[in-house]
Amino acid sequence: MRYQVDDAFGYAFNCHCSQCRRATGSALKPCAGTERTRLRLRLQRGENDLLIHGNADAAHDVHCRHCGSLLYSVVREGAFARVTMGTLVDTPSIRPQGHIFVGSRAPWHEIADTLPQYDEFPS
């Protein structure tokens, strides 16, 4: 599956919450966020290639039906979309600004960089 999304992200973080760990199978999910109304997901194949987990009108994850990759998550009461940076072919202009939800990070994972760490989403 291929898709395109505008490089118009307002923030980027490494998320350590249990839901992101479970969805990606790793210690964290590097994600870039944008207001959901600004998300322009242009599929280069059909929408039947998408697999939606959760409530389609509120918070949910969107995966590739074929390989299972998490493409993006709709969060914060459906207002924002967090695109999984690892699925982007082109390098986005934004870089992670910190680590979020480190209060629930995997106990076996040590954060080794100097980015700010937040127990939850920063205000």
PDB file of N, CA and C in Angstrom:
ATOM      1  N   MET A   1       0.833  -1.175   0.000  1.00  0.00           N
ATOM      2  CA  MET A   1       0.000   0.000   0.000  1.00  0.00           C
ATOM      3  C   MET A   1       0.880   1.242   0.000  1.00  0.00           C
ATOM      4  N   ARG A   2       0.448   2.251  -0.700  1.00  0.00           N
ATOM      5  CA  ARG A   2       1.125   3.541  -0.700  1.00  0.00           C
ATOM      6  C   ARG A   2       0.106   4.615  -0.354  1.00  0.00           C
ATOM      7  N   TYR A   3       0.580   5.649   0.341  1.00  0.00           N
ATOM      8  CA  TYR A   3      -0.276   6.782   0.631  1.00  0.00           C
ATOM      9  C   TYR A   3       0.576   8.035   0.673  1.00  0.00           C
ATOM     10  N   GLN A   4      -0.070   9.179   0.608  1.00  0.00           N
ATOM     11  CA  GLN A   4       0.616  10.453   0.717  1.00  0.00           C
ATOM     12  C   GLN A   4      -0.077  11.281   1.780  1.00  0.00           C
ATOM     13  N   VAL A   5       0.711  12.053   2.505  1.00  0.00           N
ATOM     14  CA  VAL A   5       0.166  12.975   3.486  1.00  0.00           C
ATOM     15  C   VAL A   5       1.005  14.245   3.415  1.00  0.00           C
ATOM     16  N   ASP A   6       0.356  15.384   3.526  1.00  0.00           N
ATOM     17  CA  ASP A   6       1.063  16.660   3.459  1.00  0.00           C
ATOM     18  C   ASP A   6       2.047  16.799   4.610  1.00  0.00           C
ATOM     19  N   ASP A   7       3.196  17.380   4.339  1.00  0.00           N
ATOM     20  CA  ASP A   7       4.199  17.661   5.371  1.00  0.00           C
ATOM     21  C   ASP A   7       3.821  18.975   6.050  1.00  0.00           C
ATOM     22  N   ALA A   8       2.715  18.923   6.799  1.00  0.00           N
ATOM     23  CA  ALA A   8       2.178  20.116   7.467  1.00  0.00           C
ATOM     24  C   ALA A   8       1.899  19.776   8.931  1.00  0.00           C
ATOM     25  N   PHE A   9       2.891  19.194   9.591  1.00  0.00           N
ATOM     26  CA  PHE A   9       2.704  18.719  10.960  1.00  0.00           C
ATOM     27  C   PHE A   9       2.941  19.842  11.964  1.00  0.00           C
ATOM     28  N   GLY A  10       2.132  19.862  13.014  1.00  0.00           N
ATOM     29  CA  GLY A  10       2.249  20.888  14.051  1.00  0.00           C
ATOM     30  C   GLY A  10       3.127  20.477  15.209  1.00  0.00           C
ATOM     31  N   TYR A  11       3.321  19.201  15.397  1.00  0.00           N
ATOM     32  CA  TYR A  11       4.156  18.692  16.480  1.00  0.00           C
ATOM     33  C   TYR A  11       4.607  17.279  16.154  1.00  0.00           C
ATOM     34  N   ALA A  12       5.645  16.844  16.855  1.00  0.00           N
ATOM     35  CA  ALA A  12       6.124  15.467  16.705  1.00  0.00           C
ATOM     36  C   ALA A  12       6.696  15.015  18.039  1.00  0.00           C
ATOM     37  N   PHE A  13       6.368  13.792  18.429  1.00  0.00           N
ATOM     38  CA  PHE A  13       6.838  13.224  19.686  1.00  0.00           C
ATOM     39  C   PHE A  13       7.123  11.743  19.511  1.00  0.00           C
ATOM     40  N   ASN A  14       7.860  11.192  20.449  1.00  0.00           N
ATOM     41  CA  ASN A  14       8.002   9.750  20.589  1.00  0.00           C
ATOM     42  C   ASN A  14       7.030   9.346  21.692  1.00  0.00           C
ATOM     43  N   CYS A  15       6.010   8.587  21.343  1.00  0.00           N
ATOM     44  CA  CYS A  15       4.982   8.210  22.309  1.00  0.00           C
ATOM     45  C   CYS A  15       5.315   6.850  22.924  1.00  0.00           C
ATOM     46  N   HIS A  16       5.237   6.784  24.259  1.00  0.00           N
ATOM     47  CA  HIS A  16       5.567   5.570  24.999  1.00  0.00           C
ATOM     48  C   HIS A  16       4.337   4.931  25.649  1.00  0.00           C
ATOM     49  N   CYS A  17       3.120   5.372  25.295  1.00  0.00           N
ATOM     50  CA  CYS A  17       1.927   4.827  25.941  1.00  0.00           C
ATOM     51  C   CYS A  17       1.745   3.352  25.569  1.00  0.00           C
ATOM     52  N   SER A  18       0.990   2.640  26.387  1.00  0.00           N
ATOM     53  CA  SER A  18       0.798   1.207  26.168  1.00  0.00           C
ATOM     54  C   SER A  18       0.061   0.934  24.865  1.00  0.00           C
ATOM     55  N   GLN A  19      -0.842   1.812  24.449  1.00  0.00           N
ATOM     56  CA  GLN A  19      -1.576   1.597  23.206  1.00  0.00           C
ATOM     57  C   GLN A  19      -0.651   1.700  21.993  1.00  0.00           C
ATOM     58  N   CYS A  20       0.253   2.672  22.000  1.00  0.00           N
ATOM     59  CA  CYS A  20       1.192   2.812  20.882  1.00  0.00           C
ATOM     60  C   CYS A  20       2.197   1.664  20.866  1.00  0.00           C
ATOM     61  N   ARG A  21       2.634   1.245  22.041  1.00  0.00           N
ATOM     62  CA  ARG A  21       3.551   0.100  22.097  1.00  0.00           C
ATOM     63  C   ARG A  21       2.888  -1.146  21.540  1.00  0.00           C
ATOM     64  N   ARG A  22       1.646  -1.370  21.907  1.00  0.00           N
ATOM     65  CA  ARG A  22       0.909  -2.543  21.440  1.00  0.00           C
ATOM     66  C   ARG A  22       0.672  -2.468  19.924  1.00  0.00           C
ATOM     67  N   ALA A  23       0.326  -1.277  19.422  1.00  0.00           N
ATOM     68  CA  ALA A  23       0.028  -1.126  17.992  1.00  0.00           C
ATOM     69  C   ALA A  23       1.264  -1.279  17.112  1.00  0.00           C
ATOM     70  N   THR A  24       2.437  -0.890  17.639  1.00  0.00           N
ATOM     71  CA  THR A  24       3.658  -0.945  16.830  1.00  0.00           C
ATOM     72  C   THR A  24       4.536  -2.143  17.159  1.00  0.00           C
ATOM     73  N   GLY A  25       4.327  -2.751  18.314  1.00  0.00           N
ATOM     74  CA  GLY A  25       5.178  -3.863  18.725  1.00  0.00           C
ATOM     75  C   GLY A  25       6.566  -3.412  19.124  1.00  0.00           C
ATOM     76  N   SER A  26       6.705  -2.161  19.533  1.00  0.00           N
ATOM     77  CA  SER A  26       8.013  -1.644  19.925  1.00  0.00           C
ATOM     78  C   SER A  26       7.882  -0.796  21.189  1.00  0.00           C
ATOM     79  N   ALA A  27       8.988  -0.243  21.640  1.00  0.00           N
ATOM     80  CA  ALA A  27       9.008   0.521  22.882  1.00  0.00           C
ATOM     81  C   ALA A  27       8.362   1.898  22.744  1.00  0.00           C
ATOM     82  N   LEU A  28       8.256   2.392  21.519  1.00  0.00           N
ATOM     83  CA  LEU A  28       7.709   3.732  21.317  1.00  0.00           C
ATOM     84  C   LEU A  28       7.218   3.889  19.892  1.00  0.00           C
ATOM     85  N   LYS A  29       6.441   4.941  19.674  1.00  0.00           N
ATOM     86  CA  LYS A  29       5.959   5.263  18.327  1.00  0.00           C
ATOM     87  C   LYS A  29       6.342   6.701  18.009  1.00  0.00           C
ATOM     88  N   PRO A  30       7.311   6.921  17.095  1.00  0.00           N
ATOM     89  CA  PRO A  30       7.567   8.282  16.631  1.00  0.00           C
ATOM     90  C   PRO A  30       6.381   8.732  15.776  1.00  0.00           C
ATOM     91  N   CYS A  31       5.767   9.831  16.149  1.00  0.00           N
ATOM     92  CA  CYS A  31       4.576  10.267  15.430  1.00  0.00           C
ATOM     93  C   CYS A  31       4.589  11.777  15.238  1.00  0.00           C
ATOM     94  N   ALA A  32       4.002  12.205  14.139  1.00  0.00           N
ATOM     95  CA  ALA A  32       3.868  13.621  13.820  1.00  0.00           C
ATOM     96  C   ALA A  32       2.390  13.939  13.757  1.00  0.00           C
ATOM     97  N   GLY A  33       1.991  14.994  14.461  1.00  0.00           N
ATOM     98  CA  GLY A  33       0.574  15.301  14.585  1.00  0.00           C
ATOM     99  C   GLY A  33       0.133  16.508  13.794  1.00  0.00           C
ATOM    100  N   THR A  34      -1.120  16.445  13.422  1.00  0.00           N
ATOM    101  CA  THR A  34      -1.770  17.550  12.735  1.00  0.00           C
ATOM    102  C   THR A  34      -3.235  17.548  13.136  1.00  0.00           C
ATOM    103  N   GLU A  35      -3.885  18.700  13.003  1.00  0.00           N
ATOM    104  CA  GLU A  35      -5.324  18.727  13.241  1.00  0.00           C
ATOM    105  C   GLU A  35      -5.973  17.782  12.247  1.00  0.00           C
ATOM    106  N   ARG A  36      -6.948  17.041  12.723  1.00  0.00           N
ATOM    107  CA  ARG A  36      -7.576  16.029  11.857  1.00  0.00           C
ATOM    108  C   ARG A  36      -8.162  16.653  10.605  1.00  0.00           C
ATOM    109  N   THR A  37      -8.669  17.861  10.725  1.00  0.00           N
ATOM    110  CA  THR A  37      -9.255  18.525   9.558  1.00  0.00           C
ATOM    111  C   THR A  37      -8.200  18.860   8.515  1.00  0.00           C
ATOM    112  N   ARG A  38      -6.914  18.874   8.915  1.00  0.00           N
ATOM    113  CA  ARG A  38      -5.831  19.166   7.972  1.00  0.00           C
ATOM    114  C   ARG A  38      -5.208  17.900   7.396  1.00  0.00           C
ATOM    115  N   LEU A  39      -5.622  16.748   7.887  1.00  0.00           N
ATOM    116  CA  LEU A  39      -5.081  15.484   7.366  1.00  0.00           C
ATOM    117  C   LEU A  39      -5.596  15.268   5.958  1.00  0.00           C
ATOM    118  N   ARG A  40      -4.677  15.143   5.053  1.00  0.00           N
ATOM    119  CA  ARG A  40      -5.018  14.899   3.661  1.00  0.00           C
ATOM    120  C   ARG A  40      -4.394  13.582   3.253  1.00  0.00           C
ATOM    121  N   LEU A  41      -5.074  12.521   3.593  1.00  0.00           N
ATOM    122  CA  LEU A  41      -4.579  11.191   3.255  1.00  0.00           C
ATOM    123  C   LEU A  41      -5.064  10.862   1.854  1.00  0.00           C
ATOM    124  N   ARG A  42      -4.141  10.793   0.930  1.00  0.00           N
ATOM    125  CA  ARG A  42      -4.473  10.471  -0.452  1.00  0.00           C
ATOM    126  C   ARG A  42      -3.957   9.069  -0.730  1.00  0.00           C
ATOM    127  N   LEU A  43      -4.858   8.135  -0.757  1.00  0.00           N
ATOM    128  CA  LEU A  43      -4.464   6.750  -0.998  1.00  0.00           C
ATOM    129  C   LEU A  43      -4.148   6.556  -2.466  1.00  0.00           C
ATOM    130  N   GLN A  44      -3.071   5.859  -2.723  1.00  0.00           N
ATOM    131  CA  GLN A  44      -2.724   5.556  -4.097  1.00  0.00           C
ATOM    132  C   GLN A  44      -3.349   4.234  -4.526  1.00  0.00           C
ATOM    133  N   ARG A  45      -4.021   3.617  -3.610  1.00  0.00           N
ATOM    134  CA  ARG A  45      -4.845   2.444  -3.904  1.00  0.00           C
ATOM    135  C   ARG A  45      -6.153   2.651  -3.157  1.00  0.00           C
ATOM    136  N   GLY A  46      -7.054   1.701  -3.185  1.00  0.00           N
ATOM    137  CA  GLY A  46      -8.389   1.881  -2.650  1.00  0.00           C
ATOM    138  C   GLY A  46      -8.491   1.921  -1.138  1.00  0.00           C
ATOM    139  N   GLU A  47      -9.609   2.474  -0.664  1.00  0.00           N
ATOM    140  CA  GLU A  47      -9.861   2.526   0.772  1.00  0.00           C
ATOM    141  C   GLU A  47     -10.074   1.153   1.371  1.00  0.00           C
ATOM    142  N   ASN A  48     -10.307   0.148   0.534  1.00  0.00           N
ATOM    143  CA  ASN A  48     -10.440  -1.216   1.040  1.00  0.00           C
ATOM    144  C   ASN A  48      -9.121  -1.729   1.598  1.00  0.00           C
ATOM    145  N   ASP A  49      -8.026  -0.990   1.350  1.00  0.00           N
ATOM    146  CA  ASP A  49      -6.716  -1.364   1.875  1.00  0.00           C
ATOM    147  C   ASP A  49      -6.538  -0.925   3.323  1.00  0.00           C
ATOM    148  N   LEU A  50      -7.518  -0.188   3.872  1.00  0.00           N
ATOM    149  CA  LEU A  50      -7.426   0.317   5.239  1.00  0.00           C
ATOM    150  C   LEU A  50      -8.164  -0.590   6.208  1.00  0.00           C
ATOM    151  N   LEU A  51      -7.592  -0.737   7.393  1.00  0.00           N
ATOM    152  CA  LEU A  51      -8.213  -1.482   8.469  1.00  0.00           C
ATOM    153  C   LEU A  51      -8.303  -0.548   9.668  1.00  0.00           C
ATOM    154  N   ILE A  52      -9.514  -0.258  10.120  1.00  0.00           N
ATOM    155  CA  ILE A  52      -9.722   0.703  11.208  1.00  0.00           C
ATOM    156  C   ILE A  52     -10.055  -0.050  12.483  1.00  0.00           C
ATOM    157  N   HIS A  53      -9.279   0.235  13.537  1.00  0.00           N
ATOM    158  CA  HIS A  53      -9.514  -0.336  14.864  1.00  0.00           C
ATOM    159  C   HIS A  53      -9.998   0.775  15.776  1.00  0.00           C
ATOM    160  N   GLY A  54     -11.181   0.614  16.334  1.00  0.00           N
ATOM    161  CA  GLY A  54     -11.744   1.608  17.237  1.00  0.00           C
ATOM    162  C   GLY A  54     -12.960   2.260  16.618  1.00  0.00           C
ATOM    163  N   ASN A  55     -13.399   3.345  17.224  1.00  0.00           N
ATOM    164  CA  ASN A  55     -14.579   4.078  16.801  1.00  0.00           C
ATOM    165  C   ASN A  55     -14.206   5.017  15.654  1.00  0.00           C
ATOM    166  N   ALA A  56     -14.750   4.813  14.471  1.00  0.00           N
ATOM    167  CA  ALA A  56     -14.390   5.609  13.299  1.00  0.00           C
ATOM    168  C   ALA A  56     -14.697   7.090  13.470  1.00  0.00           C
ATOM    169  N   ASP A  57     -15.594   7.455  14.375  1.00  0.00           N
ATOM    170  CA  ASP A  57     -15.932   8.858  14.594  1.00  0.00           C
ATOM    171  C   ASP A  57     -15.089   9.504  15.688  1.00  0.00           C
ATOM    172  N   ALA A  58     -14.407   8.718  16.486  1.00  0.00           N
ATOM    173  CA  ALA A  58     -13.613   9.270  17.593  1.00  0.00           C
ATOM    174  C   ALA A  58     -12.191   8.714  17.497  1.00  0.00           C
ATOM    175  N   ALA A  59     -11.645   8.262  18.610  1.00  0.00           N
ATOM    176  CA  ALA A  59     -10.274   7.730  18.621  1.00  0.00           C
ATOM    177  C   ALA A  59     -10.220   6.374  17.937  1.00  0.00           C
ATOM    178  N   HIS A  60      -9.266   6.239  17.016  1.00  0.00           N
ATOM    179  CA  HIS A  60      -9.070   4.955  16.334  1.00  0.00           C
ATOM    180  C   HIS A  60      -7.700   4.916  15.667  1.00  0.00           C
ATOM    181  N   ASP A  61      -7.274   3.709  15.330  1.00  0.00           N
ATOM    182  CA  ASP A  61      -6.032   3.482  14.609  1.00  0.00           C
ATOM    183  C   ASP A  61      -6.368   3.029  13.197  1.00  0.00           C
ATOM    184  N   VAL A  62      -5.562   3.463  12.243  1.00  0.00           N
ATOM    185  CA  VAL A  62      -5.740   3.067  10.845  1.00  0.00           C
ATOM    186  C   VAL A  62      -4.494   2.309  10.410  1.00  0.00           C
ATOM    187  N   HIS A  63      -4.692   1.056   9.990  1.00  0.00           N
ATOM    188  CA  HIS A  63      -3.613   0.165   9.579  1.00  0.00           C
ATOM    189  C   HIS A  63      -3.751  -0.181   8.103  1.00  0.00           C
ATOM    190  N   CYS A  64      -2.659  -0.639   7.509  1.00  0.00           N
ATOM    191  CA  CYS A  64      -2.699  -1.241   6.178  1.00  0.00           C
ATOM    192  C   CYS A  64      -3.283  -2.641   6.334  1.00  0.00           C
ATOM    193  N   ARG A  65      -4.311  -2.932   5.580  1.00  0.00           N
ATOM    194  CA  ARG A  65      -4.964  -4.236   5.670  1.00  0.00           C
ATOM    195  C   ARG A  65      -4.035  -5.372   5.238  1.00  0.00           C
ATOM    196  N   HIS A  66      -3.058  -5.085   4.405  1.00  0.00           N
ATOM    197  CA  HIS A  66      -2.193  -6.133   3.860  1.00  0.00           C
ATOM    198  C   HIS A  66      -1.023  -6.479   4.778  1.00  0.00           C
ATOM    199  N   CYS A  67      -0.300  -5.457   5.269  1.00  0.00           N
ATOM    200  CA  CYS A  67       0.892  -5.745   6.071  1.00  0.00           C
ATOM    201  C   CYS A  67       0.687  -5.469   7.556  1.00  0.00           C
ATOM    202  N   GLY A  68      -0.395  -4.778   7.912  1.00  0.00           N
ATOM    203  CA  GLY A  68      -0.681  -4.497   9.309  1.00  0.00           C
ATOM    204  C   GLY A  68      -0.025  -3.246   9.851  1.00  0.00           C
ATOM    205  N   SER A  69       0.776  -2.551   9.048  1.00  0.00           N
ATOM    206  CA  SER A  69       1.463  -1.352   9.536  1.00  0.00           C
ATOM    207  C   SER A  69       0.472  -0.310  10.026  1.00  0.00           C
ATOM    208  N   LEU A  70       0.792   0.297  11.164  1.00  0.00           N
ATOM    209  CA  LEU A  70      -0.018   1.397  11.688  1.00  0.00           C
ATOM    210  C   LEU A  70       0.334   2.650  10.910  1.00  0.00           C
ATOM    211  N   LEU A  71      -0.628   3.231  10.184  1.00  0.00           N
ATOM    212  CA  LEU A  71      -0.401   4.430   9.392  1.00  0.00           C
ATOM    213  C   LEU A  71      -0.577   5.690  10.215  1.00  0.00           C
ATOM    214  N   TYR A  72      -1.706   5.769  10.929  1.00  0.00           N
ATOM    215  CA  TYR A  72      -1.938   6.923  11.791  1.00  0.00           C
ATOM    216  C   TYR A  72      -2.989   6.576  12.826  1.00  0.00           C
ATOM    217  N   SER A  73      -3.046   7.429  13.853  1.00  0.00           N
ATOM    218  CA  SER A  73      -4.034   7.286  14.919  1.00  0.00           C
ATOM    219  C   SER A  73      -4.820   8.581  15.024  1.00  0.00           C
ATOM    220  N   VAL A  74      -6.112   8.467  15.231  1.00  0.00           N
ATOM    221  CA  VAL A  74      -6.947   9.628  15.519  1.00  0.00           C
ATOM    222  C   VAL A  74      -7.052   9.699  17.034  1.00  0.00           C
ATOM    223  N   VAL A  75      -6.709  10.860  17.606  1.00  0.00           N
ATOM    224  CA  VAL A  75      -6.580  11.010  19.057  1.00  0.00           C
ATOM    225  C   VAL A  75      -7.242  12.296  19.537  1.00  0.00           C
ATOM    226  N   ARG A  76      -7.165  12.473  20.857  1.00  0.00           N
ATOM    227  CA  ARG A  76      -7.646  13.694  21.514  1.00  0.00           C
ATOM    228  C   ARG A  76      -9.070  14.029  21.084  1.00  0.00           C
ATOM    229  N   GLU A  77      -9.953  13.061  21.374  1.00  0.00           N
ATOM    230  CA  GLU A  77     -11.385  13.179  21.094  1.00  0.00           C
ATOM    231  C   GLU A  77     -11.673  13.396  19.612  1.00  0.00           C
ATOM    232  N   GLY A  78     -10.850  12.800  18.760  1.00  0.00           N
ATOM    233  CA  GLY A  78     -11.062  12.864  17.326  1.00  0.00           C
ATOM    234  C   GLY A  78     -10.559  14.133  16.662  1.00  0.00           C
ATOM    235  N   ALA A  79      -9.917  15.032  17.418  1.00  0.00           N
ATOM    236  CA  ALA A  79      -9.507  16.323  16.872  1.00  0.00           C
ATOM    237  C   ALA A  79      -8.162  16.293  16.147  1.00  0.00           C
ATOM    238  N   PHE A  80      -7.301  15.338  16.479  1.00  0.00           N
ATOM    239  CA  PHE A  80      -5.956  15.301  15.902  1.00  0.00           C
ATOM    240  C   PHE A  80      -5.653  13.934  15.297  1.00  0.00           C
ATOM    241  N   ALA A  81      -4.758  13.927  14.326  1.00  0.00           N
ATOM    242  CA  ALA A  81      -4.254  12.690  13.731  1.00  0.00           C
ATOM    243  C   ALA A  81      -2.754  12.654  13.955  1.00  0.00           C
ATOM    244  N   ARG A  82      -2.255  11.508  14.427  1.00  0.00           N
ATOM    245  CA  ARG A  82      -0.816  11.306  14.619  1.00  0.00           C
ATOM    246  C   ARG A  82      -0.339  10.277  13.611  1.00  0.00           C
ATOM    247  N   VAL A  83       0.419  10.759  12.638  1.00  0.00           N
ATOM    248  CA  VAL A  83       0.960   9.909  11.581  1.00  0.00           C
ATOM    249  C   VAL A  83       2.206   9.212  12.100  1.00  0.00           C
ATOM    250  N   THR A  84       2.292   7.916  11.887  1.00  0.00           N
ATOM    251  CA  THR A  84       3.459   7.148  12.306  1.00  0.00           C
ATOM    252  C   THR A  84       4.611   7.489  11.368  1.00  0.00           C
ATOM    253  N   MET A  85       5.642   8.135  11.914  1.00  0.00           N
ATOM    254  CA  MET A  85       6.734   8.638  11.086  1.00  0.00           C
ATOM    255  C   MET A  85       7.482   7.530  10.352  1.00  0.00           C
ATOM    256  N   GLY A  86       7.506   6.332  10.910  1.00  0.00           N
ATOM    257  CA  GLY A  86       8.193   5.227  10.268  1.00  0.00           C
ATOM    258  C   GLY A  86       7.556   4.754   8.983  1.00  0.00           C
ATOM    259  N   THR A  87       6.318   5.178   8.700  1.00  0.00           N
ATOM    260  CA  THR A  87       5.663   4.780   7.450  1.00  0.00           C
ATOM    261  C   THR A  87       5.885   5.787   6.342  1.00  0.00           C
ATOM    262  N   LEU A  88       6.510   6.913   6.651  1.00  0.00           N
ATOM    263  CA  LEU A  88       6.747   7.949   5.642  1.00  0.00           C
ATOM    264  C   LEU A  88       7.974   7.610   4.801  1.00  0.00           C
ATOM    265  N   VAL A  89       7.844   7.678   3.499  1.00  0.00           N
ATOM    266  CA  VAL A  89       8.964   7.429   2.600  1.00  0.00           C
ATOM    267  C   VAL A  89       9.866   8.659   2.556  1.00  0.00           C
ATOM    268  N   ASP A  90       9.280   9.834   2.398  1.00  0.00           N
ATOM    269  CA  ASP A  90      10.039  11.076   2.375  1.00  0.00           C
ATOM    270  C   ASP A  90      10.264  11.560   3.803  1.00  0.00           C
ATOM    271  N   THR A  91      11.420  12.146   4.037  1.00  0.00           N
ATOM    272  CA  THR A  91      11.765  12.649   5.365  1.00  0.00           C
ATOM    273  C   THR A  91      10.922  13.879   5.675  1.00  0.00           C
ATOM    274  N   PRO A  92      10.160  13.854   6.776  1.00  0.00           N
ATOM    275  CA  PRO A  92       9.360  15.028   7.126  1.00  0.00           C
ATOM    276  C   PRO A  92      10.264  16.164   7.613  1.00  0.00           C
ATOM    277  N   SER A  93       9.771  17.378   7.515  1.00  0.00           N
ATOM    278  CA  SER A  93      10.563  18.532   7.938  1.00  0.00           C
ATOM    279  C   SER A  93      10.632  18.656   9.460  1.00  0.00           C
ATOM    280  N   ILE A  94       9.728  18.006  10.167  1.00  0.00           N
ATOM    281  CA  ILE A  94       9.679  18.083  11.626  1.00  0.00           C
ATOM    282  C   ILE A  94      10.424  16.901  12.248  1.00  0.00           C
ATOM    283  N   ARG A  95      10.957  17.113  13.436  1.00  0.00           N
ATOM    284  CA  ARG A  95      11.642  16.068  14.205  1.00  0.00           C
ATOM    285  C   ARG A  95      10.943  15.931  15.554  1.00  0.00           C
ATOM    286  N   PRO A  96      11.019  14.766  16.195  1.00  0.00           N
ATOM    287  CA  PRO A  96      10.410  14.634  17.525  1.00  0.00           C
ATOM    288  C   PRO A  96      10.960  15.690  18.488  1.00  0.00           C
ATOM    289  N   GLN A  97      10.031  16.295  19.224  1.00  0.00           N
ATOM    290  CA  GLN A  97      10.356  17.375  20.149  1.00  0.00           C
ATOM    291  C   GLN A  97      10.480  16.893  21.583  1.00  0.00           C
ATOM    292  N   GLY A  98      10.177  15.623  21.816  1.00  0.00           N
ATOM    293  CA  GLY A  98      10.249  15.080  23.159  1.00  0.00           C
ATOM    294  C   GLY A  98       9.616  13.709  23.211  1.00  0.00           C
ATOM    295  N   HIS A  99       9.536  13.194  24.426  1.00  0.00           N
ATOM    296  CA  HIS A  99       8.928  11.883  24.689  1.00  0.00           C
ATOM    297  C   HIS A  99       7.661  12.113  25.501  1.00  0.00           C
ATOM    298  N   ILE A 100       6.557  11.498  25.068  1.00  0.00           N
ATOM    299  CA  ILE A 100       5.291  11.653  25.791  1.00  0.00           C
ATOM    300  C   ILE A 100       4.872  10.316  26.388  1.00  0.00           C
ATOM    301  N   PHE A 101       4.085  10.419  27.452  1.00  0.00           N
ATOM    302  CA  PHE A 101       3.568   9.267  28.191  1.00  0.00           C
ATOM    303  C   PHE A 101       4.691   8.369  28.713  1.00  0.00           C
ATOM    304  N   VAL A 102       5.786   9.011  29.147  1.00  0.00           N
ATOM    305  CA  VAL A 102       6.889   8.229  29.713  1.00  0.00           C
ATOM    306  C   VAL A 102       6.518   7.656  31.077  1.00  0.00           C
ATOM    307  N   GLY A 103       5.452   8.153  31.680  1.00  0.00           N
ATOM    308  CA  GLY A 103       4.970   7.590  32.930  1.00  0.00           C
ATOM    309  C   GLY A 103       4.501   6.159  32.771  1.00  0.00           C
ATOM    310  N   SER A 104       4.197   5.762  31.530  1.00  0.00           N
ATOM    311  CA  SER A 104       3.765   4.380  31.283  1.00  0.00           C
ATOM    312  C   SER A 104       4.689   3.678  30.291  1.00  0.00           C
ATOM    313  N   ARG A 105       5.927   4.154  30.166  1.00  0.00           N
ATOM    314  CA  ARG A 105       6.867   3.523  29.220  1.00  0.00           C
ATOM    315  C   ARG A 105       7.163   2.098  29.645  1.00  0.00           C
ATOM    316  N   ALA A 106       7.663   1.318  28.709  1.00  0.00           N
ATOM    317  CA  ALA A 106       8.051  -0.068  28.993  1.00  0.00           C
ATOM    318  C   ALA A 106       9.207  -0.058  29.999  1.00  0.00           C
ATOM    319  N   PRO A 107       9.096  -0.816  31.075  1.00  0.00           N
ATOM    320  CA  PRO A 107      10.142  -0.778  32.105  1.00  0.00           C
ATOM    321  C   PRO A 107      11.498  -1.285  31.618  1.00  0.00           C
ATOM    322  N   TRP A 108      11.519  -2.011  30.524  1.00  0.00           N
ATOM    323  CA  TRP A 108      12.766  -2.531  29.984  1.00  0.00           C
ATOM    324  C   TRP A 108      13.436  -1.571  29.015  1.00  0.00           C
ATOM    325  N   HIS A 109      12.777  -0.426  28.709  1.00  0.00           N
ATOM    326  CA  HIS A 109      13.323   0.536  27.747  1.00  0.00           C
ATOM    327  C   HIS A 109      13.885   1.760  28.460  1.00  0.00           C
ATOM    328  N   GLU A 110      15.136   2.080  28.159  1.00  0.00           N
ATOM    329  CA  GLU A 110      15.768   3.280  28.704  1.00  0.00           C
ATOM    330  C   GLU A 110      15.837   4.345  27.615  1.00  0.00           C
ATOM    331  N   ILE A 111      15.384   5.545  27.927  1.00  0.00           N
ATOM    332  CA  ILE A 111      15.453   6.663  26.986  1.00  0.00           C
ATOM    333  C   ILE A 111      16.857   7.237  27.080  1.00  0.00           C
ATOM    334  N   ALA A 112      17.582   7.254  25.976  1.00  0.00           N
ATOM    335  CA  ALA A 112      18.999   7.602  26.010  1.00  0.00           C
ATOM    336  C   ALA A 112      19.321   8.963  25.383  1.00  0.00           C
ATOM    337  N   ASP A 113      18.317   9.711  24.935  1.00  0.00           N
ATOM    338  CA  ASP A 113      18.616  11.016  24.347  1.00  0.00           C
ATOM    339  C   ASP A 113      18.286  12.124  25.346  1.00  0.00           C
ATOM    340  N   THR A 114      18.481  13.360  24.935  1.00  0.00           N
ATOM    341  CA  THR A 114      18.293  14.501  25.840  1.00  0.00           C
ATOM    342  C   THR A 114      16.992  15.260  25.570  1.00  0.00           C
ATOM    343  N   LEU A 115      16.091  14.682  24.772  1.00  0.00           N
ATOM    344  CA  LEU A 115      14.816  15.345  24.521  1.00  0.00           C
ATOM    345  C   LEU A 115      14.005  15.414  25.814  1.00  0.00           C
ATOM    346  N   PRO A 116      13.168  16.438  25.965  1.00  0.00           N
ATOM    347  CA  PRO A 116      12.312  16.529  27.153  1.00  0.00           C
ATOM    348  C   PRO A 116      11.406  15.313  27.278  1.00  0.00           C
ATOM    349  N   GLN A 117      11.088  14.961  28.518  1.00  0.00           N
ATOM    350  CA  GLN A 117      10.217  13.819  28.796  1.00  0.00           C
ATOM    351  C   GLN A 117       8.996  14.292  29.576  1.00  0.00           C
ATOM    352  N   TYR A 118       7.829  13.824  29.168  1.00  0.00           N
ATOM    353  CA  TYR A 118       6.565  14.206  29.786  1.00  0.00           C
ATOM    354  C   TYR A 118       5.820  12.952  30.222  1.00  0.00           C
ATOM    355  N   ASP A 119       5.284  12.971  31.433  1.00  0.00           N
ATOM    356  CA  ASP A 119       4.510  11.828  31.916  1.00  0.00           C
ATOM    357  C   ASP A 119       3.267  11.591  31.087  1.00  0.00           C
ATOM    358  N   GLU A 120       2.703  12.666  30.543  1.00  0.00           N
ATOM    359  CA  GLU A 120       1.517  12.591  29.697  1.00  0.00           C
ATOM    360  C   GLU A 120       1.755  13.478  28.474  1.00  0.00           C
ATOM    361  N   PHE A 121       0.686  13.950  27.858  1.00  0.00           N
ATOM    362  CA  PHE A 121       0.825  14.876  26.722  1.00  0.00           C
ATOM    363  C   PHE A 121       1.053  16.273  27.287  1.00  0.00           C
ATOM    364  N   PRO A 122       2.067  17.007  26.823  1.00  0.00           N
ATOM    365  CA  PRO A 122       2.320  18.337  27.381  1.00  0.00           C
ATOM    366  C   PRO A 122       1.189  19.302  27.046  1.00  0.00           C
ATOM    367  N   SER A 123       0.971  20.240  27.943  1.00  0.00           N
ATOM    368  CA  SER A 123      -0.118  21.209  27.707  1.00  0.00           C
ATOM    369  C   SER A 123       0.331  22.356  26.836  1.00  0.00           C
TER     370      SER A 123
END
